[in-house]
PDB file of N, CA and C in Angstrom:
ATOM      1  N   UNK A   1     -20.894  47.540  99.430  1.00  0.00           N
ATOM      2  CA  UNK A   1     -22.233  47.918  99.807  1.00  0.00           C
ATOM      3  C   UNK A   1     -22.385  47.945 101.333  1.00  0.00           C
ATOM      4  N   UNK A   2     -21.966  46.875 102.023  1.00  0.00           N
ATOM      5  CA  UNK A   2     -22.120  46.816 103.475  1.00  0.00           C
ATOM      6  C   UNK A   2     -21.266  47.867 104.176  1.00  0.00           C
ATOM      7  N   UNK A   3     -20.080  48.126 103.605  1.00  0.00           N
ATOM      8  CA  UNK A   3     -19.218  49.155 104.187  1.00  0.00           C
ATOM      9  C   UNK A   3     -19.899  50.521 104.108  1.00  0.00           C
ATOM     10  N   UNK A   4     -20.500  50.820 102.967  1.00  0.00           N
ATOM     11  CA  UNK A   4     -21.186  52.102 102.779  1.00  0.00           C
ATOM     12  C   UNK A   4     -22.377  52.230 103.721  1.00  0.00           C
ATOM     13  N   UNK A   5     -23.111  51.148 103.894  1.00  0.00           N
ATOM     14  CA  UNK A   5     -24.247  51.154 104.832  1.00  0.00           C
ATOM     15  C   UNK A   5     -23.744  51.391 106.251  1.00  0.00           C
ATOM     16  N   UNK A   6     -22.644  50.712 106.613  1.00  0.00           N
ATOM     17  CA  UNK A   6     -22.059  50.911 107.937  1.00  0.00           C
ATOM     18  C   UNK A   6     -21.630  52.352 108.152  1.00  0.00           C
ATOM     19  N   UNK A   7     -21.062  52.952 107.128  1.00  0.00           N
ATOM     20  CA  UNK A   7     -20.648  54.357 107.229  1.00  0.00           C
ATOM     21  C   UNK A   7     -21.858  55.262 107.458  1.00  0.00           C
ATOM     22  N   UNK A   8     -22.957  54.956 106.782  1.00  0.00           N
ATOM     23  CA  UNK A   8     -24.180  55.743 106.978  1.00  0.00           C
ATOM     24  C   UNK A   8     -24.713  55.617 108.395  1.00  0.00           C
ATOM     25  N   UNK A   9     -24.734  54.400 108.917  1.00  0.00           N
ATOM     26  CA  UNK A   9     -25.174  54.200 110.293  1.00  0.00           C
ATOM     27  C   UNK A   9     -24.237  54.900 111.276  1.00  0.00           C
ATOM     28  N   UNK A  10     -22.944  54.909 110.971  1.00  0.00           N
ATOM     29  CA  UNK A  10     -21.989  55.601 111.837  1.00  0.00           C
ATOM     30  C   UNK A  10     -22.285  57.095 111.894  1.00  0.00           C
ATOM     31  N   UNK A  11     -22.609  57.660 110.737  1.00  0.00           N
ATOM     32  CA  UNK A  11     -22.956  59.086 110.696  1.00  0.00           C
ATOM     33  C   UNK A  11     -24.159  59.385 111.599  1.00  0.00           C
ATOM     34  N   UNK A  12     -25.067  58.420 111.673  1.00  0.00           N
ATOM     35  CA  UNK A  12     -26.264  58.583 112.513  1.00  0.00           C
ATOM     36  C   UNK A  12     -26.025  58.173 113.966  1.00  0.00           C
ATOM     37  N   UNK A  13     -24.781  57.709 114.238  1.00  0.00           N
ATOM     38  CA  UNK A  13     -24.408  57.233 115.570  1.00  0.00           C
ATOM     39  C   UNK A  13     -25.230  56.020 116.007  1.00  0.00           C
ATOM     40  N   UNK A  14     -25.654  55.241 115.033  1.00  0.00           N
ATOM     41  CA  UNK A  14     -26.335  53.970 115.310  1.00  0.00           C
ATOM     42  C   UNK A  14     -25.245  52.897 115.290  1.00  0.00           C
ATOM     43  N   UNK A  15     -24.525  52.804 116.413  1.00  0.00           N
ATOM     44  CA  UNK A  15     -23.310  52.001 116.468  1.00  0.00           C
ATOM     45  C   UNK A  15     -23.568  50.509 116.295  1.00  0.00           C
ATOM     46  N   UNK A  16     -24.662  50.002 116.814  1.00  0.00           N
ATOM     47  CA  UNK A  16     -24.919  48.573 116.683  1.00  0.00           C
ATOM     48  C   UNK A  16     -25.215  48.197 115.229  1.00  0.00           C
ATOM     49  N   UNK A  17     -26.030  48.979 114.561  1.00  0.00           N
ATOM     50  CA  UNK A  17     -26.327  48.709 113.152  1.00  0.00           C
ATOM     51  C   UNK A  17     -25.062  48.879 112.301  1.00  0.00           C
ATOM     52  N   UNK A  18     -24.265  49.899 112.626  1.00  0.00           N
ATOM     53  CA  UNK A  18     -23.007  50.114 111.901  1.00  0.00           C
ATOM     54  C   UNK A  18     -22.081  48.918 112.106  1.00  0.00           C
ATOM     55  N   UNK A  19     -21.979  48.436 113.345  1.00  0.00           N
ATOM     56  CA  UNK A  19     -21.133  47.289 113.643  1.00  0.00           C
ATOM     57  C   UNK A  19     -21.542  46.075 112.810  1.00  0.00           C
ATOM     58  N   UNK A  20     -22.836  45.829 112.746  1.00  0.00           N
ATOM     59  CA  UNK A  20     -23.324  44.685 111.979  1.00  0.00           C
ATOM     60  C   UNK A  20     -22.955  44.808 110.497  1.00  0.00           C
ATOM     61  N   UNK A  21     -23.105  45.998 109.948  1.00  0.00           N
ATOM     62  CA  UNK A  21     -22.773  46.211 108.536  1.00  0.00           C
ATOM     63  C   UNK A  21     -21.276  46.068 108.283  1.00  0.00           C
ATOM     64  N   UNK A  22     -20.461  46.639 109.174  1.00  0.00           N
ATOM     65  CA  UNK A  22     -19.016  46.528 109.008  1.00  0.00           C
ATOM     66  C   UNK A  22     -18.547  45.085 109.201  1.00  0.00           C
ATOM     67  N   UNK A  23     -19.175  44.347 110.121  1.00  0.00           N
ATOM     68  CA  UNK A  23     -18.828  42.934 110.306  1.00  0.00           C
ATOM     69  C   UNK A  23     -19.117  42.142 109.030  1.00  0.00           C
ATOM     70  N   UNK A  24     -20.247  42.428 108.407  1.00  0.00           N
ATOM     71  CA  UNK A  24     -20.587  41.740 107.153  1.00  0.00           C
ATOM     72  C   UNK A  24     -19.580  42.109 106.061  1.00  0.00           C
ATOM     73  N   UNK A  25     -19.203  43.385 106.000  1.00  0.00           N
ATOM     74  CA  UNK A  25     -18.211  43.824 105.021  1.00  0.00           C
ATOM     75  C   UNK A  25     -16.877  43.120 105.269  1.00  0.00           C
ATOM     76  N   UNK A  26     -16.477  42.995 106.538  1.00  0.00           N
ATOM     77  CA  UNK A  26     -15.218  42.315 106.875  1.00  0.00           C
ATOM     78  C   UNK A  26     -15.296  40.828 106.560  1.00  0.00           C
ATOM     79  N   UNK A  27     -16.467  40.240 106.763  1.00  0.00           N
ATOM     80  CA  UNK A  27     -16.657  38.820 106.457  1.00  0.00           C
ATOM     81  C   UNK A  27     -16.525  38.566 104.956  1.00  0.00           C
ATOM     82  N   UNK A  28     -17.099  39.455 104.167  1.00  0.00           N
ATOM     83  CA  UNK A  28     -17.074  39.293 102.712  1.00  0.00           C
ATOM     84  C   UNK A  28     -15.714  39.642 102.104  1.00  0.00           C
ATOM     85  N   UNK A  29     -14.961  40.495 102.800  1.00  0.00           N
ATOM     86  CA  UNK A  29     -13.629  40.892 102.319  1.00  0.00           C
ATOM     87  C   UNK A  29     -12.664  40.856 103.507  1.00  0.00           C
ATOM     88  N   UNK A  30     -12.186  39.666 103.876  1.00  0.00           N
ATOM     89  CA  UNK A  30     -11.371  39.504 105.083  1.00  0.00           C
ATOM     90  C   UNK A  30     -10.092  40.337 105.117  1.00  0.00           C
ATOM     91  N   UNK A  31      -9.604  40.766 103.983  1.00  0.00           N
ATOM     92  CA  UNK A  31      -8.391  41.585 103.966  1.00  0.00           C
ATOM     93  C   UNK A  31      -8.697  43.080 104.034  1.00  0.00           C
ATOM     94  N   UNK A  32      -9.964  43.439 104.179  1.00  0.00           N
ATOM     95  CA  UNK A  32     -10.367  44.846 104.246  1.00  0.00           C
ATOM     96  C   UNK A  32     -10.096  45.374 105.657  1.00  0.00           C
ATOM     97  N   UNK A  33      -8.930  45.992 105.831  1.00  0.00           N
ATOM     98  CA  UNK A  33      -8.557  46.524 107.145  1.00  0.00           C
ATOM     99  C   UNK A  33      -9.509  47.611 107.613  1.00  0.00           C
ATOM    100  N   UNK A  34     -10.040  48.393 106.698  1.00  0.00           N
ATOM    101  CA  UNK A  34     -10.936  49.489 107.077  1.00  0.00           C
ATOM    102  C   UNK A  34     -12.216  48.948 107.705  1.00  0.00           C
ATOM    103  N   UNK A  35     -12.738  47.853 107.190  1.00  0.00           N
ATOM    104  CA  UNK A  35     -13.949  47.271 107.766  1.00  0.00           C
ATOM    105  C   UNK A  35     -13.677  46.771 109.182  1.00  0.00           C
ATOM    106  N   UNK A  36     -12.559  46.054 109.370  1.00  0.00           N
ATOM    107  CA  UNK A  36     -12.207  45.556 110.697  1.00  0.00           C
ATOM    108  C   UNK A  36     -11.987  46.705 111.667  1.00  0.00           C
ATOM    109  N   UNK A  37     -11.320  47.742 111.223  1.00  0.00           N
ATOM    110  CA  UNK A  37     -11.075  48.912 112.072  1.00  0.00           C
ATOM    111  C   UNK A  37     -12.387  49.570 112.473  1.00  0.00           C
ATOM    112  N   UNK A  38     -13.316  49.684 111.531  1.00  0.00           N
ATOM    113  CA  UNK A  38     -14.599  50.313 111.844  1.00  0.00           C
ATOM    114  C   UNK A  38     -15.451  49.453 112.772  1.00  0.00           C
ATOM    115  N   UNK A  39     -15.324  48.135 112.685  1.00  0.00           N
ATOM    116  CA  UNK A  39     -15.995  47.276 113.669  1.00  0.00           C
ATOM    117  C   UNK A  39     -15.456  47.619 115.052  1.00  0.00           C
ATOM    118  N   UNK A  40     -14.138  47.743 115.153  1.00  0.00           N
ATOM    119  CA  UNK A  40     -13.522  48.076 116.435  1.00  0.00           C
ATOM    120  C   UNK A  40     -13.994  49.436 116.945  1.00  0.00           C
ATOM    121  N   UNK A  41     -14.092  50.413 116.071  1.00  0.00           N
ATOM    122  CA  UNK A  41     -14.591  51.730 116.487  1.00  0.00           C
ATOM    123  C   UNK A  41     -16.027  51.644 116.997  1.00  0.00           C
ATOM    124  N   UNK A  42     -16.845  50.867 116.320  1.00  0.00           N
ATOM    125  CA  UNK A  42     -18.229  50.697 116.762  1.00  0.00           C
ATOM    126  C   UNK A  42     -18.282  50.046 118.135  1.00  0.00           C
ATOM    127  N   UNK A  43     -17.456  49.007 118.336  1.00  0.00           N
ATOM    128  CA  UNK A  43     -17.410  48.354 119.645  1.00  0.00           C
ATOM    129  C   UNK A  43     -16.959  49.336 120.714  1.00  0.00           C
ATOM    130  N   UNK A  44     -16.009  50.199 120.373  1.00  0.00           N
ATOM    131  CA  UNK A  44     -15.554  51.204 121.322  1.00  0.00           C
ATOM    132  C   UNK A  44     -16.693  52.141 121.684  1.00  0.00           C
ATOM    133  N   UNK A  45     -17.430  52.607 120.700  1.00  0.00           N
ATOM    134  CA  UNK A  45     -18.547  53.512 120.970  1.00  0.00           C
ATOM    135  C   UNK A  45     -19.628  52.816 121.787  1.00  0.00           C
ATOM    136  N   UNK A  46     -19.927  51.578 121.466  1.00  0.00           N
ATOM    137  CA  UNK A  46     -20.927  50.837 122.231  1.00  0.00           C
ATOM    138  C   UNK A  46     -20.462  50.643 123.669  1.00  0.00           C
ATOM    139  N   UNK A  47     -19.176  50.399 123.850  1.00  0.00           N
ATOM    140  CA  UNK A  47     -18.624  50.220 125.185  1.00  0.00           C
ATOM    141  C   UNK A  47     -18.640  51.537 125.949  1.00  0.00           C
ATOM    142  N   UNK A  48     -18.333  52.645 125.279  1.00  0.00           N
ATOM    143  CA  UNK A  48     -18.406  53.954 125.920  1.00  0.00           C
ATOM    144  C   UNK A  48     -19.824  54.231 126.408  1.00  0.00           C
ATOM    145  N   UNK A  49     -20.798  53.848 125.599  1.00  0.00           N
ATOM    146  CA  UNK A  49     -22.185  54.072 126.000  1.00  0.00           C
ATOM    147  C   UNK A  49     -22.527  53.292 127.258  1.00  0.00           C
ATOM    148  N   UNK A  50     -21.931  52.100 127.405  1.00  0.00           N
ATOM    149  CA  UNK A  50     -22.223  51.262 128.559  1.00  0.00           C
ATOM    150  C   UNK A  50     -21.381  51.627 129.767  1.00  0.00           C
ATOM    151  N   UNK A  51     -20.137  52.063 129.558  1.00  0.00           N
ATOM    152  CA  UNK A  51     -19.241  52.334 130.681  1.00  0.00           C
ATOM    153  C   UNK A  51     -18.290  53.467 130.317  1.00  0.00           C
ATOM    154  N   UNK A  52     -18.783  54.674 130.417  1.00  0.00           N
ATOM    155  CA  UNK A  52     -17.993  55.844 130.017  1.00  0.00           C
ATOM    156  C   UNK A  52     -16.816  56.082 130.952  1.00  0.00           C
ATOM    157  N   UNK A  53     -16.772  55.411 132.084  1.00  0.00           N
ATOM    158  CA  UNK A  53     -15.710  55.645 133.064  1.00  0.00           C
ATOM    159  C   UNK A  53     -14.405  54.950 132.712  1.00  0.00           C
ATOM    160  N   UNK A  54     -14.386  54.083 131.710  1.00  0.00           N
ATOM    161  CA  UNK A  54     -13.150  53.351 131.432  1.00  0.00           C
ATOM    162  C   UNK A  54     -12.711  53.447 129.974  1.00  0.00           C
ATOM    163  N   UNK A  55     -12.345  54.641 129.511  1.00  0.00           N
ATOM    164  CA  UNK A  55     -11.924  54.776 128.114  1.00  0.00           C
ATOM    165  C   UNK A  55     -10.655  54.005 127.793  1.00  0.00           C
ATOM    166  N   UNK A  56      -9.769  53.783 128.785  1.00  0.00           N
ATOM    167  CA  UNK A  56      -8.535  53.041 128.520  1.00  0.00           C
ATOM    168  C   UNK A  56      -8.853  51.603 128.113  1.00  0.00           C
ATOM    169  N   UNK A  57      -9.748  50.955 128.849  1.00  0.00           N
ATOM    170  CA  UNK A  57     -10.081  49.573 128.503  1.00  0.00           C
ATOM    171  C   UNK A  57     -10.778  49.517 127.146  1.00  0.00           C
ATOM    172  N   UNK A  58     -11.543  50.534 126.810  1.00  0.00           N
ATOM    173  CA  UNK A  58     -12.200  50.576 125.500  1.00  0.00           C
ATOM    174  C   UNK A  58     -11.169  50.690 124.384  1.00  0.00           C
ATOM    175  N   UNK A  59     -10.155  51.496 124.591  1.00  0.00           N
ATOM    176  CA  UNK A  59      -9.104  51.636 123.585  1.00  0.00           C
ATOM    177  C   UNK A  59      -8.352  50.327 123.418  1.00  0.00           C
ATOM    178  N   UNK A  60      -8.104  49.629 124.516  1.00  0.00           N
ATOM    179  CA  UNK A  60      -7.429  48.341 124.435  1.00  0.00           C
ATOM    180  C   UNK A  60      -8.287  47.320 123.701  1.00  0.00           C
ATOM    181  N   UNK A  61      -9.603  47.344 123.950  1.00  0.00           N
ATOM    182  CA  UNK A  61     -10.510  46.449 123.249  1.00  0.00           C
ATOM    183  C   UNK A  61     -10.469  46.727 121.751  1.00  0.00           C
ATOM    184  N   UNK A  62     -10.497  47.991 121.384  1.00  0.00           N
ATOM    185  CA  UNK A  62     -10.456  48.371 119.979  1.00  0.00           C
ATOM    186  C   UNK A  62      -9.163  47.889 119.331  1.00  0.00           C
ATOM    187  N   UNK A  63      -8.040  48.111 120.005  1.00  0.00           N
ATOM    188  CA  UNK A  63      -6.759  47.687 119.460  1.00  0.00           C
ATOM    189  C   UNK A  63      -6.690  46.167 119.345  1.00  0.00           C
ATOM    190  N   UNK A  64      -7.140  45.463 120.378  1.00  0.00           N
ATOM    191  CA  UNK A  64      -7.115  43.994 120.350  1.00  0.00           C
ATOM    192  C   UNK A  64      -7.974  43.458 119.208  1.00  0.00           C
ATOM    193  N   UNK A  65      -9.150  44.021 119.041  1.00  0.00           N
ATOM    194  CA  UNK A  65     -10.027  43.546 117.973  1.00  0.00           C
ATOM    195  C   UNK A  65      -9.388  43.772 116.613  1.00  0.00           C
ATOM    196  N   UNK A  66      -8.849  44.949 116.404  1.00  0.00           N
ATOM    197  CA  UNK A  66      -8.241  45.266 115.116  1.00  0.00           C
ATOM    198  C   UNK A  66      -7.061  44.337 114.819  1.00  0.00           C
ATOM    199  N   UNK A  67      -6.207  44.126 115.810  1.00  0.00           N
ATOM    200  CA  UNK A  67      -5.045  43.273 115.596  1.00  0.00           C
ATOM    201  C   UNK A  67      -5.453  41.823 115.337  1.00  0.00           C
ATOM    202  N   UNK A  68      -6.464  41.356 116.036  1.00  0.00           N
ATOM    203  CA  UNK A  68      -6.921  39.987 115.813  1.00  0.00           C
ATOM    204  C   UNK A  68      -7.536  39.831 114.432  1.00  0.00           C
ATOM    205  N   UNK A  69      -8.305  40.794 114.010  1.00  0.00           N
ATOM    206  CA  UNK A  69      -8.884  40.730 112.657  1.00  0.00           C
ATOM    207  C   UNK A  69      -7.759  40.775 111.627  1.00  0.00           C
ATOM    208  N   UNK A  70      -6.808  41.621 111.865  1.00  0.00           N
ATOM    209  CA  UNK A  70      -5.690  41.760 110.930  1.00  0.00           C
ATOM    210  C   UNK A  70      -4.956  40.435 110.793  1.00  0.00           C
ATOM    211  N   UNK A  71      -4.807  39.730 111.891  1.00  0.00           N
ATOM    212  CA  UNK A  71      -4.102  38.455 111.874  1.00  0.00           C
ATOM    213  C   UNK A  71      -5.026  37.292 111.517  1.00  0.00           C
ATOM    214  N   UNK A  72      -6.286  37.580 111.234  1.00  0.00           N
ATOM    215  CA  UNK A  72      -7.275  36.578 110.853  1.00  0.00           C
ATOM    216  C   UNK A  72      -7.491  35.523 111.940  1.00  0.00           C
ATOM    217  N   UNK A  73      -7.468  35.938 113.187  1.00  0.00           N
ATOM    218  CA  UNK A  73      -7.677  34.997 114.279  1.00  0.00           C
ATOM    219  C   UNK A  73      -9.145  34.673 114.473  1.00  0.00           C
ATOM    220  N   UNK A  74     -10.009  35.539 114.019  1.00  0.00           N
ATOM    221  CA  UNK A  74     -11.434  35.284 114.115  1.00  0.00           C
ATOM    222  C   UNK A  74     -12.038  35.723 115.435  1.00  0.00           C
ATOM    223  N   UNK A  75     -13.332  35.845 115.432  1.00  0.00           N
ATOM    224  CA  UNK A  75     -14.084  36.338 116.587  1.00  0.00           C
ATOM    225  C   UNK A  75     -13.964  35.415 117.798  1.00  0.00           C
ATOM    226  N   UNK A  76     -14.013  34.088 117.584  1.00  0.00           N
ATOM    227  CA  UNK A  76     -13.924  33.162 118.706  1.00  0.00           C
ATOM    228  C   UNK A  76     -12.579  33.274 119.403  1.00  0.00           C
ATOM    229  N   UNK A  77     -11.519  33.387 118.628  1.00  0.00           N
ATOM    230  CA  UNK A  77     -10.169  33.514 119.206  1.00  0.00           C
ATOM    231  C   UNK A  77     -10.073  34.814 120.000  1.00  0.00           C
ATOM    232  N   UNK A  78     -10.607  35.901 119.467  1.00  0.00           N
ATOM    233  CA  UNK A  78     -10.595  37.182 120.155  1.00  0.00           C
ATOM    234  C   UNK A  78     -11.311  37.072 121.495  1.00  0.00           C
ATOM    235  N   UNK A  79     -12.472  36.432 121.509  1.00  0.00           N
ATOM    236  CA  UNK A  79     -13.218  36.294 122.760  1.00  0.00           C
ATOM    237  C   UNK A  79     -12.422  35.490 123.776  1.00  0.00           C
ATOM    238  N   UNK A  80     -11.744  34.447 123.321  1.00  0.00           N
ATOM    239  CA  UNK A  80     -10.914  33.654 124.250  1.00  0.00           C
ATOM    240  C   UNK A  80      -9.767  34.503 124.795  1.00  0.00           C
ATOM    241  N   UNK A  81      -9.135  35.293 123.944  1.00  0.00           N
ATOM    242  CA  UNK A  81      -8.031  36.133 124.383  1.00  0.00           C
ATOM    243  C   UNK A  81      -8.480  37.170 125.413  1.00  0.00           C
ATOM    244  N   UNK A  82      -9.645  37.763 125.175  1.00  0.00           N
ATOM    245  CA  UNK A  82     -10.136  38.802 126.078  1.00  0.00           C
ATOM    246  C   UNK A  82     -10.672  38.233 127.388  1.00  0.00           C
ATOM    247  N   UNK A  83     -11.095  36.987 127.379  1.00  0.00           N
ATOM    248  CA  UNK A  83     -11.642  36.405 128.613  1.00  0.00           C
ATOM    249  C   UNK A  83     -10.553  35.881 129.541  1.00  0.00           C
ATOM    250  N   UNK A  84      -9.345  35.674 129.012  1.00  0.00           N
ATOM    251  CA  UNK A  84      -8.232  35.182 129.851  1.00  0.00           C
ATOM    252  C   UNK A  84      -7.686  36.241 130.758  1.00  0.00           C
TER     253      UNK A  84
END
């Protein structure tokens, strides 16, 4: 259900609402790679909206988020990794 809602918000380009829905979907199904990947895509789009001049760093953020979710490191671990 949350994944489908996130997909609908993505179609509308409501990236923050989509991110929230995909995060809930990933929380409820931690092995759902598609949900984690879509969270990363939403973060990339939100980052592009804030700083369109740095697409490389946005791609790295997306990749880092996806890999951390895949490895089940969790959001706190990801934030620590990105802040170092």
